[in-house]
Amino acid sequence: MMKLFSALAVAGLMTTAMTATSQAQESKVFRRMTAGQPAPLHGSMTQAQARKSCQMDLSGSRESKSSLNIKMRQCMDKKMNGTM
């Protein structure tokens, strides 16, 4: 009876040791895949740069405030994505 329990305990410890090493290897691979600088979007801007540029583009237009806000949001989205 005692040998049975000790054999089960050893088997349990071996399986936990095996899963821990495989998880460590997976995390190393994931860290290696995600390491480094992200790929920059060609011609994209930061939020502050896009806001300043769009304000300059839309300055002097005679439209309602809500219309300007909509156009400002669309302009910022385009410039932050690099499509404009």
Protein backbone atom coordinates (compact mmCIF):
# COMPACT_ATOMS: atom_id res chain seq x y z
CA MET A 1 0.00 0.00 0.00
CA MET A 2 2.79 2.37 0.90
CA LYS A 3 4.65 1.58 -2.33
CA LEU A 4 1.50 2.34 -4.33
CA PHE A 5 1.13 5.79 -2.75
CA SER A 6 4.80 6.62 -3.20
CA ALA A 7 4.68 5.49 -6.84
CA LEU A 8 1.64 7.72 -7.44
CA ALA A 9 3.37 10.63 -5.74
CA VAL A 10 6.50 10.21 -7.87
CA ALA A 11 4.40 9.97 -11.03
CA GLY A 12 2.52 13.13 -10.05
CA LEU A 13 5.75 15.03 -9.43
CA MET A 14 7.16 13.90 -12.76
CA THR A 15 4.09 15.12 -14.68
CA THR A 16 4.14 18.52 -12.98
CA ALA A 17 7.84 18.87 -13.73
CA MET A 18 7.25 17.98 -17.38
CA THR A 19 4.40 20.49 -17.81
CA ALA A 20 6.37 23.26 -16.09
CA THR A 21 9.29 22.90 -18.52
CA SER A 22 7.02 22.84 -21.56
CA GLN A 23 5.24 25.99 -20.36
CA ALA A 24 8.59 27.70 -19.82
CA GLN A 25 9.65 26.82 -23.37
CA GLU A 26 6.36 28.17 -24.78
CA SER A 27 6.80 31.47 -22.94
CA LYS A 28 10.38 31.79 -24.23
CA VAL A 29 9.19 31.24 -27.80
CA PHE A 30 6.39 33.79 -27.36
CA ARG A 31 8.80 36.36 -25.91
CA ARG A 32 11.15 35.80 -28.83
CA MET A 33 8.31 36.26 -31.34
CA THR A 34 7.07 39.49 -29.78
CA ALA A 35 10.48 41.02 -29.00
CA GLY A 36 11.73 44.12 -30.75
CA GLN A 37 10.15 47.24 -32.13
CA PRO A 38 6.70 47.10 -33.71
CA ALA A 39 6.57 47.59 -37.45
CA PRO A 40 5.79 51.27 -38.12
CA LEU A 41 2.93 52.21 -40.38
CA HIS A 42 4.23 54.18 -43.33
CA GLY A 43 3.18 57.82 -43.01
CA SER A 44 1.25 57.40 -39.76
CA MET A 45 1.22 60.04 -37.02
CA THR A 46 0.80 60.07 -33.29
CA GLN A 47 -2.47 61.33 -31.87
CA ALA A 48 -0.99 64.73 -30.96
CA GLN A 49 0.60 65.16 -34.41
CA ALA A 50 -2.62 64.19 -36.15
CA ARG A 51 -4.70 66.56 -34.00
CA LYS A 52 -2.39 69.50 -34.70
CA SER A 53 -2.31 68.79 -38.43
CA CYS A 54 -6.08 68.39 -38.67
CA GLN A 55 -6.65 71.60 -36.70
CA MET A 56 -4.48 73.43 -39.19
CA ASP A 57 -6.35 71.83 -42.10
CA LEU A 58 -9.79 72.65 -40.72
CA SER A 59 -9.04 76.11 -39.36
CA GLY A 60 -11.08 78.92 -40.87
CA SER A 61 -13.92 76.73 -42.09
CA ARG A 62 -17.42 78.03 -41.40
CA GLU A 63 -19.27 74.97 -40.22
CA SER A 64 -21.14 73.94 -37.13
CA LYS A 65 -19.21 72.70 -34.14
CA SER A 66 -20.64 69.18 -34.39
CA SER A 67 -19.75 69.01 -38.09
CA LEU A 68 -16.20 70.13 -37.34
CA ASN A 69 -15.90 67.54 -34.56
CA ILE A 70 -16.98 64.77 -36.94
CA LYS A 71 -14.55 65.91 -39.64
CA MET A 72 -11.80 66.29 -37.04
CA ARG A 73 -12.33 62.72 -35.78
CA GLN A 74 -12.31 61.33 -39.34
CA CYS A 75 -9.21 63.32 -40.25
CA MET A 76 -7.36 62.14 -37.13
CA ASP A 77 -8.29 58.51 -37.79
CA LYS A 78 -6.98 58.71 -41.35
CA LYS A 79 -3.72 60.39 -40.36
CA MET A 80 -3.09 58.00 -37.46
CA ASN A 81 -3.62 55.02 -39.78
CA GLY A 82 -1.35 56.48 -42.44
CA THR A 83 -4.00 56.57 -45.16
CA MET A 84 -3.92 60.31 -45.67
